[in-house]
Amino acid sequence: MPKAKGKSRRHKYSYNLNRKRLYRSARRRAAPRIACSHIRHAWDPHKSVAQNLAEMGLAEDPNKAVPIPKKLLGVEEESDRQQPGKKLVRKPYVVNEMELEASLPEKKSNTLSRDLIDYVRYMIQNHGENYKVHSGARSTQSDSLLDLPISRMKTANPLCPGSCFAVS
């Protein structure tokens, strides 16, 4: 196979580059991005994953955090019930912020878009339950609304306060 063009030249060392900064930025780019902003801001890059999560009061391994009792597994073993030492949580604000964010109500995403709702209101206002007219209308709402005279268009409708497609 032929060699790639331009690979045979001599590589010169560039003294103008800051190699330390290049190395750091490459490491930062290669590290995975933590999606949770609360954890990301409290993360210490000089510590291990287990140490960071323990300081925040989070579990690294759910099997160790909430172990299954031996009774449920069918093994009858009498062992000393020693409580493992509680770890010191140095950053409790992370868990508090995450709990606060989780307690906020979710935005309902199972509704239709605002434009589609307004278009359906417009069609029902003008044509009622006549579905043949609805299906005969053009596929895009902007084309069918442009057919109306400008004098009939209003900006507000007392029946549908949120709609912008009202006809007088």
N, C-alpha and C. Protein backbone atom coordinates (compact mmCIF):
# COMPACT_ATOMS: atom_id res chain seq x y z
N MET A 1 0.83 -1.18 0.00
CA MET A 1 0.00 0.00 0.00
C MET A 1 0.87 1.25 0.00
N PRO A 2 0.45 2.29 -0.69
CA PRO A 2 1.26 3.51 -0.71
C PRO A 2 1.16 4.25 0.62
N LYS A 3 2.21 5.02 0.90
CA LYS A 3 2.21 5.80 2.13
C LYS A 3 1.33 7.03 1.96
N ALA A 4 0.79 7.49 3.09
CA ALA A 4 -0.04 8.69 3.05
C ALA A 4 0.83 9.90 2.73
N LYS A 5 0.29 10.78 1.94
CA LYS A 5 1.05 11.95 1.51
C LYS A 5 1.25 12.90 2.69
N GLY A 6 2.44 13.40 2.84
CA GLY A 6 2.71 14.36 3.90
C GLY A 6 3.16 13.74 5.20
N LYS A 7 3.26 12.42 5.27
CA LYS A 7 3.67 11.77 6.52
C LYS A 7 5.18 11.62 6.62
N SER A 8 5.89 11.84 5.56
CA SER A 8 7.32 11.59 5.57
C SER A 8 8.13 12.82 5.97
N ARG A 9 7.48 13.96 6.22
CA ARG A 9 8.24 15.15 6.57
C ARG A 9 8.77 15.05 7.99
N ARG A 10 9.78 15.84 8.27
CA ARG A 10 10.38 15.85 9.60
C ARG A 10 9.51 16.69 10.53
N HIS A 11 9.18 16.16 11.70
CA HIS A 11 8.35 16.90 12.66
C HIS A 11 9.26 17.76 13.53
N LYS A 12 8.99 19.04 13.56
CA LYS A 12 9.80 19.96 14.35
C LYS A 12 9.10 20.22 15.68
N TYR A 13 9.86 20.39 16.71
CA TYR A 13 9.30 20.69 18.03
C TYR A 13 8.88 22.15 18.07
N SER A 14 7.67 22.39 18.51
CA SER A 14 7.17 23.76 18.60
C SER A 14 7.38 24.27 20.02
N TYR A 15 8.20 25.30 20.14
CA TYR A 15 8.50 25.86 21.45
C TYR A 15 7.42 26.82 21.92
N ASN A 16 6.53 27.20 21.05
CA ASN A 16 5.52 28.19 21.40
C ASN A 16 4.29 27.58 22.08
N LEU A 17 4.22 26.27 22.17
CA LEU A 17 3.06 25.63 22.78
C LEU A 17 3.31 25.38 24.26
N ASN A 18 2.29 25.58 25.05
CA ASN A 18 2.35 25.28 26.48
C ASN A 18 1.89 23.84 26.66
N ARG A 19 2.84 22.93 26.80
CA ARG A 19 2.53 21.49 26.85
C ARG A 19 1.72 21.13 28.09
N LYS A 20 1.99 21.79 29.20
CA LYS A 20 1.27 21.49 30.43
C LYS A 20 -0.21 21.84 30.28
N ARG A 21 -0.50 22.99 29.69
CA ARG A 21 -1.88 23.40 29.48
C ARG A 21 -2.58 22.47 28.49
N LEU A 22 -1.87 22.06 27.44
CA LEU A 22 -2.44 21.13 26.47
C LEU A 22 -2.79 19.80 27.12
N TYR A 23 -1.91 19.31 28.00
CA TYR A 23 -2.15 18.04 28.68
C TYR A 23 -3.37 18.13 29.60
N ARG A 24 -3.45 19.24 30.34
CA ARG A 24 -4.58 19.43 31.25
C ARG A 24 -5.90 19.52 30.49
N SER A 25 -5.91 20.28 29.42
CA SER A 25 -7.17 20.44 28.66
C SER A 25 -7.57 19.12 27.99
N ALA A 26 -6.58 18.34 27.56
CA ALA A 26 -6.90 17.04 26.97
C ALA A 26 -7.49 16.10 28.02
N ARG A 27 -6.94 16.13 29.22
CA ARG A 27 -7.48 15.30 30.31
C ARG A 27 -8.90 15.72 30.66
N ARG A 28 -9.15 17.04 30.70
CA ARG A 28 -10.47 17.55 31.05
C ARG A 28 -11.49 17.15 29.99
N ARG A 29 -11.09 17.21 28.72
CA ARG A 29 -12.00 16.83 27.64
C ARG A 29 -12.26 15.33 27.63
N ALA A 30 -11.25 14.55 28.02
CA ALA A 30 -11.40 13.10 28.00
C ALA A 30 -12.25 12.60 29.16
N ALA A 31 -12.31 13.36 30.26
CA ALA A 31 -13.09 12.94 31.42
C ALA A 31 -14.57 13.01 31.08
N PRO A 32 -15.37 12.09 31.61
CA PRO A 32 -16.80 12.12 31.32
C PRO A 32 -17.47 13.32 31.97
N ARG A 33 -18.45 13.86 31.31
CA ARG A 33 -19.19 15.01 31.85
C ARG A 33 -20.28 14.50 32.78
N ILE A 34 -20.31 15.01 34.00
CA ILE A 34 -21.32 14.61 34.98
C ILE A 34 -22.58 15.40 34.66
N ALA A 35 -23.67 14.68 34.45
CA ALA A 35 -24.92 15.32 34.02
C ALA A 35 -25.56 16.14 35.14
N CYS A 36 -25.49 15.66 36.36
CA CYS A 36 -26.12 16.36 37.49
C CYS A 36 -25.25 17.55 37.89
N SER A 37 -25.82 18.75 37.82
CA SER A 37 -25.03 19.95 38.09
C SER A 37 -24.62 20.04 39.56
N HIS A 38 -25.45 19.52 40.47
CA HIS A 38 -25.11 19.59 41.89
C HIS A 38 -23.87 18.75 42.19
N ILE A 39 -23.82 17.57 41.62
CA ILE A 39 -22.67 16.69 41.83
C ILE A 39 -21.45 17.25 41.12
N ARG A 40 -21.65 17.80 39.90
CA ARG A 40 -20.53 18.33 39.12
C ARG A 40 -19.83 19.47 39.85
N HIS A 41 -20.60 20.37 40.49
CA HIS A 41 -19.99 21.51 41.16
C HIS A 41 -19.29 21.11 42.46
N ALA A 42 -19.74 20.03 43.08
CA ALA A 42 -19.12 19.59 44.34
C ALA A 42 -18.01 18.58 44.11
N TRP A 43 -17.78 18.19 42.88
CA TRP A 43 -16.80 17.13 42.56
C TRP A 43 -15.38 17.66 42.73
N ASP A 44 -14.52 16.85 43.36
CA ASP A 44 -13.11 17.17 43.52
C ASP A 44 -12.31 16.26 42.60
N PRO A 45 -11.67 16.80 41.56
CA PRO A 45 -10.98 15.93 40.59
C PRO A 45 -9.76 15.21 41.16
N HIS A 46 -9.29 15.64 42.33
CA HIS A 46 -8.10 15.01 42.92
C HIS A 46 -8.45 13.80 43.77
N LYS A 47 -9.75 13.55 43.99
CA LYS A 47 -10.18 12.42 44.80
C LYS A 47 -10.79 11.34 43.92
N SER A 48 -10.88 10.14 44.46
CA SER A 48 -11.46 9.03 43.71
C SER A 48 -12.98 9.16 43.69
N VAL A 49 -13.61 8.32 42.88
CA VAL A 49 -15.07 8.33 42.77
C VAL A 49 -15.70 7.97 44.10
N ALA A 50 -15.16 6.94 44.75
CA ALA A 50 -15.71 6.49 46.04
C ALA A 50 -15.58 7.58 47.10
N GLN A 51 -14.45 8.27 47.14
CA GLN A 51 -14.26 9.33 48.13
C GLN A 51 -15.19 10.50 47.87
N ASN A 52 -15.35 10.90 46.60
CA ASN A 52 -16.24 12.01 46.26
C ASN A 52 -17.68 11.68 46.65
N LEU A 53 -18.16 10.49 46.29
CA LEU A 53 -19.54 10.13 46.59
C LEU A 53 -19.77 9.98 48.09
N ALA A 54 -18.78 9.46 48.82
CA ALA A 54 -18.92 9.32 50.27
C ALA A 54 -19.00 10.70 50.94
N GLU A 55 -18.23 11.67 50.46
CA GLU A 55 -18.29 13.02 51.02
C GLU A 55 -19.64 13.68 50.78
N MET A 56 -20.27 13.34 49.67
CA MET A 56 -21.57 13.93 49.35
C MET A 56 -22.72 13.18 50.02
N GLY A 57 -22.43 12.03 50.59
CA GLY A 57 -23.49 11.24 51.23
C GLY A 57 -24.23 10.37 50.24
N LEU A 58 -23.61 10.07 49.12
CA LEU A 58 -24.23 9.23 48.10
C LEU A 58 -23.58 7.85 48.11
N ALA A 59 -24.31 6.86 47.62
CA ALA A 59 -23.80 5.50 47.61
C ALA A 59 -23.08 5.21 46.31
N GLU A 60 -21.92 4.60 46.42
CA GLU A 60 -21.19 4.19 45.22
C GLU A 60 -21.76 2.88 44.69
N ASP A 61 -22.05 1.96 45.60
CA ASP A 61 -22.58 0.64 45.24
C ASP A 61 -23.89 0.44 45.98
N PRO A 62 -25.02 0.36 45.29
CA PRO A 62 -26.30 0.20 46.00
C PRO A 62 -26.39 -1.12 46.76
N ASN A 63 -25.66 -2.14 46.32
CA ASN A 63 -25.70 -3.42 47.02
C ASN A 63 -25.03 -3.33 48.39
N LYS A 64 -24.04 -2.48 48.51
CA LYS A 64 -23.39 -2.28 49.81
C LYS A 64 -24.17 -1.30 50.67
N ALA A 65 -24.82 -0.34 50.03
CA ALA A 65 -25.56 0.68 50.78
C ALA A 65 -26.80 0.09 51.43
N VAL A 66 -27.53 -0.73 50.69
CA VAL A 66 -28.74 -1.37 51.20
C VAL A 66 -28.61 -2.87 50.96
N PRO A 67 -27.91 -3.58 51.84
CA PRO A 67 -27.70 -5.00 51.60
C PRO A 67 -28.97 -5.81 51.83
N ILE A 68 -29.09 -6.93 51.13
CA ILE A 68 -30.22 -7.83 51.31
C ILE A 68 -29.95 -8.65 52.56
N PRO A 69 -30.90 -8.71 53.50
CA PRO A 69 -30.67 -9.51 54.71
C PRO A 69 -30.50 -10.98 54.37
N LYS A 70 -29.71 -11.67 55.18
CA LYS A 70 -29.43 -13.09 54.94
C LYS A 70 -30.70 -13.93 55.06
N LYS A 71 -31.67 -13.48 55.87
CA LYS A 71 -32.91 -14.24 56.04
C LYS A 71 -33.67 -14.36 54.72
N LEU A 72 -33.66 -13.30 53.94
CA LEU A 72 -34.41 -13.30 52.68
C LEU A 72 -33.75 -14.19 51.64
N LEU A 73 -32.45 -14.39 51.76
CA LEU A 73 -31.74 -15.23 50.81
C LEU A 73 -31.87 -16.71 51.12
N GLY A 74 -32.40 -17.05 52.28
CA GLY A 74 -32.58 -18.44 52.65
C GLY A 74 -31.42 -18.99 53.46
N VAL A 75 -30.43 -18.20 53.73
CA VAL A 75 -29.28 -18.64 54.50
C VAL A 75 -29.52 -18.22 55.94
N GLU A 76 -29.53 -19.20 56.84
CA GLU A 76 -29.73 -18.91 58.26
C GLU A 76 -28.36 -18.87 58.94
N GLU A 77 -27.85 -17.69 59.09
CA GLU A 77 -26.55 -17.53 59.72
C GLU A 77 -26.70 -16.60 60.89
N GLU A 78 -26.22 -17.01 62.01
CA GLU A 78 -26.21 -16.15 63.18
C GLU A 78 -24.89 -15.39 63.20
N SER A 79 -24.95 -14.16 62.95
CA SER A 79 -23.72 -13.36 62.96
C SER A 79 -23.93 -12.16 63.85
N ASP A 80 -22.86 -11.59 64.25
CA ASP A 80 -22.94 -10.40 65.10
C ASP A 80 -23.49 -9.25 64.27
N ARG A 81 -24.52 -8.64 64.78
CA ARG A 81 -25.16 -7.52 64.07
C ARG A 81 -24.41 -6.24 64.42
N GLN A 82 -23.31 -6.04 63.80
CA GLN A 82 -22.53 -4.83 64.05
C GLN A 82 -22.89 -3.79 63.00
N GLN A 83 -23.18 -2.62 63.49
CA GLN A 83 -23.46 -1.51 62.59
C GLN A 83 -22.15 -0.99 62.03
N PRO A 84 -22.03 -0.93 60.72
CA PRO A 84 -20.80 -0.33 60.18
C PRO A 84 -20.75 1.14 60.55
N GLY A 85 -19.55 1.64 60.78
CA GLY A 85 -19.39 3.03 61.19
C GLY A 85 -19.97 3.99 60.16
N LYS A 86 -20.72 4.94 60.64
CA LYS A 86 -21.32 5.91 59.72
C LYS A 86 -20.23 6.81 59.18
N LYS A 87 -20.28 7.05 57.89
CA LYS A 87 -19.27 7.88 57.26
C LYS A 87 -19.64 9.34 57.42
N LEU A 88 -18.65 10.17 57.52
CA LEU A 88 -18.84 11.59 57.69
C LEU A 88 -19.23 12.22 56.35
N VAL A 89 -20.36 12.93 56.35
CA VAL A 89 -20.82 13.59 55.13
C VAL A 89 -20.37 15.04 55.21
N ARG A 90 -19.40 15.38 54.38
CA ARG A 90 -18.85 16.74 54.40
C ARG A 90 -19.63 17.71 53.51
N LYS A 91 -20.36 17.18 52.55
CA LYS A 91 -21.10 18.03 51.61
C LYS A 91 -22.58 17.62 51.60
N PRO A 92 -23.31 17.87 52.71
CA PRO A 92 -24.71 17.46 52.74
C PRO A 92 -25.61 18.31 51.84
N TYR A 93 -25.13 19.47 51.44
CA TYR A 93 -25.94 20.34 50.59
C TYR A 93 -26.23 19.72 49.23
N VAL A 94 -25.38 18.81 48.78
CA VAL A 94 -25.61 18.15 47.49
C VAL A 94 -26.88 17.32 47.54
N VAL A 95 -27.01 16.50 48.57
CA VAL A 95 -28.19 15.65 48.71
C VAL A 95 -29.43 16.51 48.94
N ASN A 96 -29.30 17.57 49.74
CA ASN A 96 -30.45 18.45 50.01
C ASN A 96 -30.94 19.11 48.73
N GLU A 97 -30.01 19.59 47.89
CA GLU A 97 -30.40 20.23 46.63
C GLU A 97 -31.03 19.23 45.67
N MET A 98 -30.50 17.99 45.65
CA MET A 98 -31.07 16.97 44.77
C MET A 98 -32.48 16.58 45.23
N GLU A 99 -32.70 16.48 46.55
CA GLU A 99 -34.03 16.17 47.07
C GLU A 99 -35.01 17.30 46.75
N LEU A 100 -34.55 18.54 46.88
CA LEU A 100 -35.40 19.68 46.58
C LEU A 100 -35.79 19.69 45.10
N GLU A 101 -34.83 19.40 44.23
CA GLU A 101 -35.11 19.37 42.80
C GLU A 101 -36.06 18.22 42.44
N ALA A 102 -35.91 17.08 43.13
CA ALA A 102 -36.77 15.93 42.85
C ALA A 102 -38.19 16.15 43.35
N SER A 103 -38.36 17.01 44.37
CA SER A 103 -39.70 17.24 44.92
C SER A 103 -40.50 18.24 44.09
N LEU A 104 -39.86 18.95 43.16
CA LEU A 104 -40.58 19.90 42.32
C LEU A 104 -41.52 19.15 41.39
N PRO A 105 -42.69 19.73 41.10
CA PRO A 105 -43.61 19.04 40.19
C PRO A 105 -43.06 19.01 38.78
N GLU A 106 -43.34 17.91 38.09
CA GLU A 106 -42.86 17.74 36.71
C GLU A 106 -43.75 18.48 35.74
N LYS A 107 -43.16 18.98 34.68
CA LYS A 107 -43.94 19.59 33.62
C LYS A 107 -44.54 18.48 32.78
N LYS A 108 -45.85 18.56 32.55
CA LYS A 108 -46.51 17.53 31.77
C LYS A 108 -46.11 17.65 30.32
N SER A 109 -45.60 16.57 29.77
CA SER A 109 -45.14 16.60 28.39
C SER A 109 -46.02 15.75 27.48
N ASN A 110 -47.18 15.32 27.99
CA ASN A 110 -48.03 14.45 27.19
C ASN A 110 -49.11 15.24 26.45
N THR A 111 -48.97 16.55 26.34
CA THR A 111 -49.96 17.35 25.62
C THR A 111 -49.43 17.66 24.22
N LEU A 112 -50.33 18.19 23.41
CA LEU A 112 -49.96 18.58 22.05
C LEU A 112 -49.27 19.93 22.06
N SER A 113 -48.71 20.31 20.93
CA SER A 113 -48.03 21.59 20.85
C SER A 113 -49.06 22.72 20.87
N ARG A 114 -48.60 23.90 21.27
CA ARG A 114 -49.49 25.06 21.40
C ARG A 114 -50.10 25.42 20.03
N ASP A 115 -49.32 25.35 18.95
CA ASP A 115 -49.82 25.68 17.62
C ASP A 115 -50.91 24.72 17.19
N LEU A 116 -50.73 23.44 17.46
CA LEU A 116 -51.73 22.45 17.06
C LEU A 116 -53.02 22.63 17.85
N ILE A 117 -52.92 22.94 19.13
CA ILE A 117 -54.12 23.19 19.95
C ILE A 117 -54.88 24.39 19.41
N ASP A 118 -54.14 25.45 19.08
CA ASP A 118 -54.80 26.65 18.55
C ASP A 118 -55.47 26.37 17.20
N TYR A 119 -54.82 25.57 16.37
CA TYR A 119 -55.39 25.24 15.06
C TYR A 119 -56.67 24.42 15.21
N VAL A 120 -56.68 23.46 16.12
CA VAL A 120 -57.87 22.64 16.35
C VAL A 120 -59.01 23.50 16.89
N ARG A 121 -58.70 24.42 17.80
CA ARG A 121 -59.74 25.34 18.30
C ARG A 121 -60.33 26.17 17.16
N TYR A 122 -59.46 26.65 16.31
CA TYR A 122 -59.90 27.45 15.18
C TYR A 122 -60.84 26.66 14.27
N MET A 123 -60.46 25.41 13.96
CA MET A 123 -61.29 24.57 13.07
C MET A 123 -62.62 24.24 13.71
N ILE A 124 -62.65 23.97 15.00
CA ILE A 124 -63.91 23.64 15.68
C ILE A 124 -64.78 24.87 15.77
N GLN A 125 -64.20 26.04 15.99
CA GLN A 125 -64.98 27.28 16.05
C GLN A 125 -65.67 27.56 14.72
N ASN A 126 -64.95 27.39 13.63
CA ASN A 126 -65.50 27.74 12.32
C ASN A 126 -66.40 26.65 11.75
N HIS A 127 -66.04 25.38 11.95
CA HIS A 127 -66.75 24.31 11.27
C HIS A 127 -67.49 23.37 12.21
N GLY A 128 -67.33 23.54 13.51
CA GLY A 128 -68.04 22.69 14.45
C GLY A 128 -67.60 21.25 14.35
N GLU A 129 -68.58 20.35 14.25
CA GLU A 129 -68.29 18.92 14.20
C GLU A 129 -68.26 18.38 12.77
N ASN A 130 -68.17 19.23 11.77
CA ASN A 130 -68.14 18.82 10.38
C ASN A 130 -66.71 18.37 10.04
N TYR A 131 -66.46 17.06 10.18
CA TYR A 131 -65.12 16.55 10.02
C TYR A 131 -64.69 16.47 8.56
N LYS A 132 -65.65 16.48 7.64
CA LYS A 132 -65.28 16.45 6.23
C LYS A 132 -64.55 17.74 5.85
N VAL A 133 -64.99 18.85 6.40
CA VAL A 133 -64.32 20.12 6.14
C VAL A 133 -62.93 20.11 6.79
N HIS A 134 -62.84 19.51 7.99
CA HIS A 134 -61.55 19.43 8.69
C HIS A 134 -60.55 18.64 7.85
N SER A 135 -60.99 17.50 7.31
CA SER A 135 -60.06 16.67 6.56
C SER A 135 -59.77 17.28 5.19
N GLY A 136 -60.69 18.08 4.66
CA GLY A 136 -60.46 18.72 3.36
C GLY A 136 -59.57 19.93 3.46
N ALA A 137 -59.32 20.39 4.66
CA ALA A 137 -58.45 21.56 4.83
C ALA A 137 -57.03 21.19 4.44
N ARG A 138 -56.26 22.21 4.10
CA ARG A 138 -54.87 21.95 3.73
C ARG A 138 -54.10 21.38 4.91
N SER A 139 -53.00 20.71 4.61
CA SER A 139 -52.27 20.00 5.66
C SER A 139 -51.54 20.95 6.59
N THR A 140 -51.07 22.08 6.10
CA THR A 140 -50.37 23.01 6.98
C THR A 140 -51.31 24.11 7.39
N GLN A 141 -51.27 24.43 8.67
CA GLN A 141 -52.21 25.42 9.18
C GLN A 141 -51.90 26.82 8.67
N SER A 142 -50.65 27.10 8.35
CA SER A 142 -50.32 28.45 7.91
C SER A 142 -50.97 28.76 6.56
N ASP A 143 -51.04 27.76 5.65
CA ASP A 143 -51.66 28.00 4.35
C ASP A 143 -53.16 28.24 4.49
N SER A 144 -53.84 27.45 5.34
CA SER A 144 -55.29 27.60 5.47
C SER A 144 -55.64 28.90 6.17
N LEU A 145 -54.78 29.37 7.06
CA LEU A 145 -55.08 30.61 7.75
C LEU A 145 -54.81 31.82 6.86
N LEU A 146 -53.92 31.65 5.88
CA LEU A 146 -53.65 32.76 4.98
C LEU A 146 -54.81 32.99 4.01
N ASP A 147 -55.68 32.00 3.82
CA ASP A 147 -56.83 32.16 2.95
C ASP A 147 -57.88 33.09 3.54
N LEU A 148 -57.86 33.28 4.86
CA LEU A 148 -58.84 34.16 5.49
C LEU A 148 -58.50 35.62 5.22
N PRO A 149 -59.52 36.45 5.06
CA PRO A 149 -59.23 37.88 4.92
C PRO A 149 -58.66 38.43 6.23
N ILE A 150 -57.76 39.39 6.10
CA ILE A 150 -57.11 39.98 7.27
C ILE A 150 -58.14 40.68 8.15
N SER A 151 -59.20 41.22 7.57
CA SER A 151 -60.18 41.96 8.36
C SER A 151 -60.92 41.05 9.33
N ARG A 152 -60.99 39.74 9.05
CA ARG A 152 -61.70 38.82 9.94
C ARG A 152 -60.82 38.31 11.07
N MET A 153 -59.51 38.48 10.96
CA MET A 153 -58.60 37.96 11.98
C MET A 153 -58.53 38.92 13.16
N LYS A 154 -58.57 38.38 14.38
CA LYS A 154 -58.40 39.15 15.59
C LYS A 154 -57.22 38.59 16.35
N THR A 155 -56.79 39.29 17.38
CA THR A 155 -55.67 38.79 18.16
C THR A 155 -56.13 38.07 19.42
N ALA A 156 -57.33 38.32 19.89
CA ALA A 156 -57.79 37.66 21.11
C ALA A 156 -59.19 37.12 20.90
N ASN A 157 -59.51 36.06 21.61
CA ASN A 157 -60.81 35.43 21.50
C ASN A 157 -61.36 35.24 22.90
N PRO A 158 -62.58 35.73 23.22
CA PRO A 158 -63.11 35.58 24.57
C PRO A 158 -63.40 34.12 24.93
N LEU A 159 -63.69 33.27 23.92
CA LEU A 159 -63.98 31.86 24.23
C LEU A 159 -62.71 31.08 24.52
N CYS A 160 -61.65 31.37 23.81
CA CYS A 160 -60.37 30.66 23.98
C CYS A 160 -59.31 31.71 24.28
N PRO A 161 -59.07 32.03 25.57
CA PRO A 161 -58.16 33.14 25.88
C PRO A 161 -56.73 32.94 25.42
N GLY A 162 -56.26 31.71 25.27
CA GLY A 162 -54.87 31.50 24.88
C GLY A 162 -54.65 31.46 23.40
N SER A 163 -55.72 31.50 22.58
CA SER A 163 -55.53 31.30 21.15
C SER A 163 -55.21 32.60 20.45
N CYS A 164 -54.48 32.49 19.37
CA CYS A 164 -54.16 33.67 18.56
C CYS A 164 -54.89 33.60 17.23
N PHE A 165 -55.57 32.49 16.91
CA PHE A 165 -56.29 32.34 15.66
C PHE A 165 -57.78 32.49 15.93
N ALA A 166 -58.22 33.68 16.10
CA ALA A 166 -59.64 33.92 16.36
C ALA A 166 -60.24 34.63 15.18
N VAL A 167 -61.47 34.32 14.90
CA VAL A 167 -62.16 34.91 13.75
C VAL A 167 -63.36 35.67 14.27
N SER A 168 -63.56 36.88 13.77
CA SER A 168 -64.69 37.68 14.23
C SER A 168 -65.94 37.33 13.47
